[in-house]
N, C-alpha and C. Protein backbone atom coordinates (compact mmCIF):
# COMPACT_ATOMS: atom_id res chain seq x y z
N MET A 1 67.30 84.23 79.98
CA MET A 1 67.17 85.50 79.91
C MET A 1 66.03 86.04 78.96
N LYS A 2 65.96 85.39 77.86
CA LYS A 2 64.83 85.96 76.78
C LYS A 2 63.55 85.60 77.38
N TYR A 3 63.45 84.42 78.11
CA TYR A 3 61.98 84.15 78.70
C TYR A 3 61.64 85.21 79.68
N SER A 4 62.58 85.64 80.61
CA SER A 4 62.24 86.65 81.75
C SER A 4 62.06 87.94 81.23
N PHE A 5 62.68 88.26 80.02
CA PHE A 5 62.57 89.50 79.39
C PHE A 5 61.11 89.73 78.74
N ALA A 6 60.69 88.60 78.00
CA ALA A 6 59.43 88.52 77.46
C ALA A 6 58.36 88.57 78.59
N LEU A 7 58.55 87.85 79.52
CA LEU A 7 57.59 87.80 80.67
C LEU A 7 57.43 89.14 81.29
N GLY A 8 58.60 89.76 81.53
CA GLY A 8 58.53 91.18 82.08
C GLY A 8 57.67 92.17 81.16
N TRP A 9 57.86 92.01 79.88
CA TRP A 9 57.10 92.96 78.91
C TRP A 9 55.65 92.51 78.97
N LEU A 10 55.40 91.28 79.05
CA LEU A 10 53.93 90.89 79.06
C LEU A 10 53.37 91.41 80.28
N LEU A 11 53.83 91.20 81.51
CA LEU A 11 53.37 91.76 82.74
C LEU A 11 53.21 93.19 82.75
N THR A 12 54.11 93.91 82.08
CA THR A 12 54.03 95.38 82.07
C THR A 12 52.94 95.85 81.21
N PHE A 13 52.69 95.21 80.06
CA PHE A 13 51.56 95.58 79.23
C PHE A 13 50.19 95.08 79.86
N LEU A 14 50.11 93.99 80.56
CA LEU A 14 48.98 93.65 81.40
C LEU A 14 48.65 94.73 82.50
N GLN A 15 49.65 95.07 83.08
CA GLN A 15 49.49 96.16 84.16
C GLN A 15 48.97 97.45 83.56
N LEU A 16 49.51 97.84 82.38
CA LEU A 16 49.22 99.00 81.69
C LEU A 16 47.70 98.96 81.26
N ALA A 17 47.38 97.84 80.66
CA ALA A 17 45.95 97.53 80.30
C ALA A 17 45.03 97.73 81.40
N LEU A 18 45.42 97.13 82.57
CA LEU A 18 44.38 97.08 83.76
C LEU A 18 44.22 98.60 84.19
N ARG A 19 45.25 99.42 84.12
CA ARG A 19 45.38 100.82 84.62
C ARG A 19 44.61 101.79 83.77
N LEU A 20 44.89 101.49 82.25
CA LEU A 20 44.16 102.40 81.40
C LEU A 20 42.80 101.92 80.88
N GLY A 21 42.24 100.82 81.33
CA GLY A 21 40.99 100.22 80.85
C GLY A 21 39.83 101.20 81.27
N TRP A 22 39.99 101.91 82.33
CA TRP A 22 38.93 102.69 82.70
C TRP A 22 38.57 103.72 81.78
N GLY A 23 39.46 104.37 81.01
CA GLY A 23 39.19 105.28 80.03
C GLY A 23 38.25 104.81 78.95
N VAL A 24 38.54 103.48 78.68
CA VAL A 24 37.59 102.84 77.57
C VAL A 24 36.36 102.61 77.82
N VAL A 25 36.10 102.03 79.12
CA VAL A 25 34.75 101.62 79.52
C VAL A 25 34.09 102.63 80.34
N ALA A 26 34.59 103.90 80.59
CA ALA A 26 33.92 104.89 81.45
C ALA A 26 32.63 105.28 80.92
N VAL A 27 32.51 105.40 79.69
CA VAL A 27 30.96 105.88 79.12
C VAL A 27 30.11 104.76 79.40
N VAL A 28 30.41 103.57 78.93
CA VAL A 28 29.41 102.45 79.23
C VAL A 28 29.06 102.26 80.61
N PHE A 29 30.16 102.27 81.45
CA PHE A 29 29.89 102.17 82.75
C PHE A 29 29.04 103.27 83.39
N ALA A 30 29.20 104.52 82.97
CA ALA A 30 28.37 105.74 83.37
C ALA A 30 26.94 105.41 82.95
N VAL A 31 26.68 105.03 81.82
CA VAL A 31 25.43 104.90 81.26
C VAL A 31 24.59 103.66 81.92
N SER A 32 25.29 102.57 82.13
CA SER A 32 24.71 101.43 82.71
C SER A 32 24.24 101.66 84.19
N LEU A 33 25.08 102.56 84.88
CA LEU A 33 24.74 102.63 86.23
C LEU A 33 24.09 104.00 86.57
N HIS A 34 23.79 104.77 85.40
CA HIS A 34 23.18 106.06 85.49
C HIS A 34 23.91 107.01 86.41
N LEU A 35 25.19 107.28 86.04
CA LEU A 35 26.22 108.03 86.76
C LEU A 35 26.39 109.41 86.07
N THR A 36 26.28 110.41 86.86
CA THR A 36 26.58 111.71 86.21
C THR A 36 28.11 111.87 86.14
N PRO A 37 28.46 112.88 85.34
CA PRO A 37 30.01 113.05 84.98
C PRO A 37 30.79 113.20 86.41
N VAL A 38 30.16 113.92 87.28
CA VAL A 38 30.87 114.10 88.54
C VAL A 38 31.12 112.81 89.26
N GLU A 39 30.00 111.93 89.26
CA GLU A 39 30.18 110.62 89.90
C GLU A 39 31.07 109.66 89.33
N ILE A 40 31.17 109.74 88.04
CA ILE A 40 32.17 108.86 87.11
C ILE A 40 33.52 109.48 87.29
N GLY A 41 33.81 110.66 87.51
CA GLY A 41 35.03 111.39 88.04
C GLY A 41 35.47 110.87 89.29
N ALA A 42 34.51 110.82 90.25
CA ALA A 42 34.85 110.46 91.69
C ALA A 42 35.35 109.00 91.70
N VAL A 43 34.68 108.08 90.87
CA VAL A 43 34.99 106.76 90.83
C VAL A 43 36.49 106.64 90.20
N LEU A 44 36.69 107.31 89.11
CA LEU A 44 38.03 107.36 88.53
C LEU A 44 39.10 107.98 89.47
N PHE A 45 38.81 108.97 90.27
CA PHE A 45 39.65 109.58 91.24
C PHE A 45 39.95 108.48 92.41
N LEU A 46 38.94 107.90 92.87
CA LEU A 46 39.32 106.87 93.80
C LEU A 46 40.07 105.74 93.30
N PHE A 47 39.83 105.30 92.07
CA PHE A 47 40.61 104.27 91.59
C PHE A 47 42.11 104.73 91.55
N TYR A 48 42.40 105.92 90.94
CA TYR A 48 43.81 106.30 90.95
C TYR A 48 44.43 106.63 92.11
N LEU A 49 43.62 107.14 93.06
CA LEU A 49 44.03 107.34 94.55
C LEU A 49 44.64 105.99 95.10
N GLY A 50 43.86 105.05 94.94
CA GLY A 50 44.27 103.81 95.42
C GLY A 50 45.50 103.12 94.64
N TYR A 51 45.47 103.36 93.34
CA TYR A 51 46.76 103.02 92.66
C TYR A 51 48.00 103.79 93.01
N THR A 52 48.05 105.05 93.10
CA THR A 52 49.21 105.87 93.55
C THR A 52 49.55 105.49 94.91
N SER A 53 48.51 105.37 95.94
CA SER A 53 49.03 105.11 97.21
C SER A 53 49.53 103.64 97.37
N SER A 54 48.95 102.70 96.59
CA SER A 54 49.62 101.29 96.74
C SER A 54 51.11 101.16 95.98
N SER A 55 51.19 102.25 95.18
CA SER A 55 52.52 102.12 94.44
C SER A 55 53.73 102.58 95.48
N VAL A 56 53.37 103.27 96.46
CA VAL A 56 54.35 103.61 97.54
C VAL A 56 54.46 102.44 98.34
N LEU A 57 53.45 101.64 98.80
CA LEU A 57 53.64 100.48 99.61
C LEU A 57 54.38 99.36 98.85
N TRP A 58 53.94 99.17 97.53
CA TRP A 58 54.71 98.15 96.83
C TRP A 58 56.23 98.57 96.39
N GLY A 59 56.59 99.88 96.44
CA GLY A 59 57.92 100.26 96.22
C GLY A 59 58.64 99.98 97.57
N ALA A 60 58.00 100.24 98.67
CA ALA A 60 58.81 100.00 99.94
C ALA A 60 58.98 98.38 100.07
N MET A 61 57.88 97.62 99.70
CA MET A 61 58.14 96.09 99.79
C MET A 61 59.25 95.65 98.86
N ILE A 62 59.33 96.17 97.70
CA ILE A 62 60.28 95.78 96.69
C ILE A 62 61.65 96.11 97.17
N ASP A 63 61.85 97.28 97.99
CA ASP A 63 63.05 97.68 98.37
C ASP A 63 63.43 96.77 99.62
N LYS A 64 62.60 96.47 100.42
CA LYS A 64 62.82 95.56 101.55
C LYS A 64 62.89 94.04 101.32
N GLU A 65 62.18 93.40 100.49
CA GLU A 65 61.88 92.22 100.17
C GLU A 65 62.55 91.64 98.97
N GLY A 66 62.63 92.51 97.86
CA GLY A 66 63.08 92.15 96.62
C GLY A 66 61.95 92.06 95.60
N PRO A 67 62.21 92.10 94.35
CA PRO A 67 61.17 92.24 93.27
C PRO A 67 60.52 90.71 93.02
N ARG A 68 61.28 89.71 93.25
CA ARG A 68 60.69 88.52 93.15
C ARG A 68 59.45 88.21 93.96
N LYS A 69 59.72 88.38 95.23
CA LYS A 69 58.59 88.14 96.24
C LYS A 69 57.31 89.16 95.86
N ALA A 70 57.73 90.38 95.64
CA ALA A 70 56.65 91.36 95.29
C ALA A 70 55.80 90.88 94.00
N MET A 71 56.58 90.51 93.08
CA MET A 71 55.80 90.05 91.85
C MET A 71 54.93 88.78 92.11
N PHE A 72 55.39 87.96 92.85
CA PHE A 72 54.74 86.74 93.25
C PHE A 72 53.36 87.05 93.95
N ILE A 73 53.44 87.97 94.92
CA ILE A 73 52.32 88.32 95.79
C ILE A 73 51.44 89.10 94.81
N SER A 74 51.98 90.08 93.92
CA SER A 74 51.13 90.82 93.14
C SER A 74 50.33 90.05 92.14
N ALA A 75 51.04 89.06 91.59
CA ALA A 75 50.45 88.16 90.44
C ALA A 75 49.46 87.20 91.09
N THR A 76 49.66 86.83 92.39
CA THR A 76 48.65 85.87 93.15
C THR A 76 47.39 86.83 93.39
N PHE A 77 47.50 88.01 93.95
CA PHE A 77 46.40 88.85 94.18
C PHE A 77 45.60 89.15 92.87
N SER A 78 46.36 89.55 91.87
CA SER A 78 45.78 89.77 90.49
C SER A 78 44.90 88.63 90.02
N GLY A 79 45.56 87.42 90.23
CA GLY A 79 44.91 86.24 89.59
C GLY A 79 43.56 85.98 90.51
N LEU A 80 43.59 86.27 91.74
CA LEU A 80 42.44 86.01 92.63
C LEU A 80 41.44 87.00 92.31
N LEU A 81 41.64 88.15 92.14
CA LEU A 81 40.73 89.33 91.99
C LEU A 81 40.13 89.27 90.66
N LEU A 82 40.88 88.83 89.58
CA LEU A 82 40.21 88.79 88.28
C LEU A 82 39.59 87.48 87.88
N THR A 83 39.50 86.51 88.77
CA THR A 83 38.79 85.27 88.48
C THR A 83 37.57 85.18 89.19
């Protein structure tokens, strides 16, 4: 029980860091790619559009298949994309 609780909190904060990391690197990202404020806003908009739309799909999957399978698939894809 304590292990799963700690793992749940760890995954929650990892997910939060991945979601909020754009605010920290947006300035460096814009300068290095020579983006205008409108272009960096479009990049952030598209990121959050994908985030919110995928939340609906993941929510439906959790309701249908259960959280264990959804977490396994999510962790697998995150691991593949981040390496």
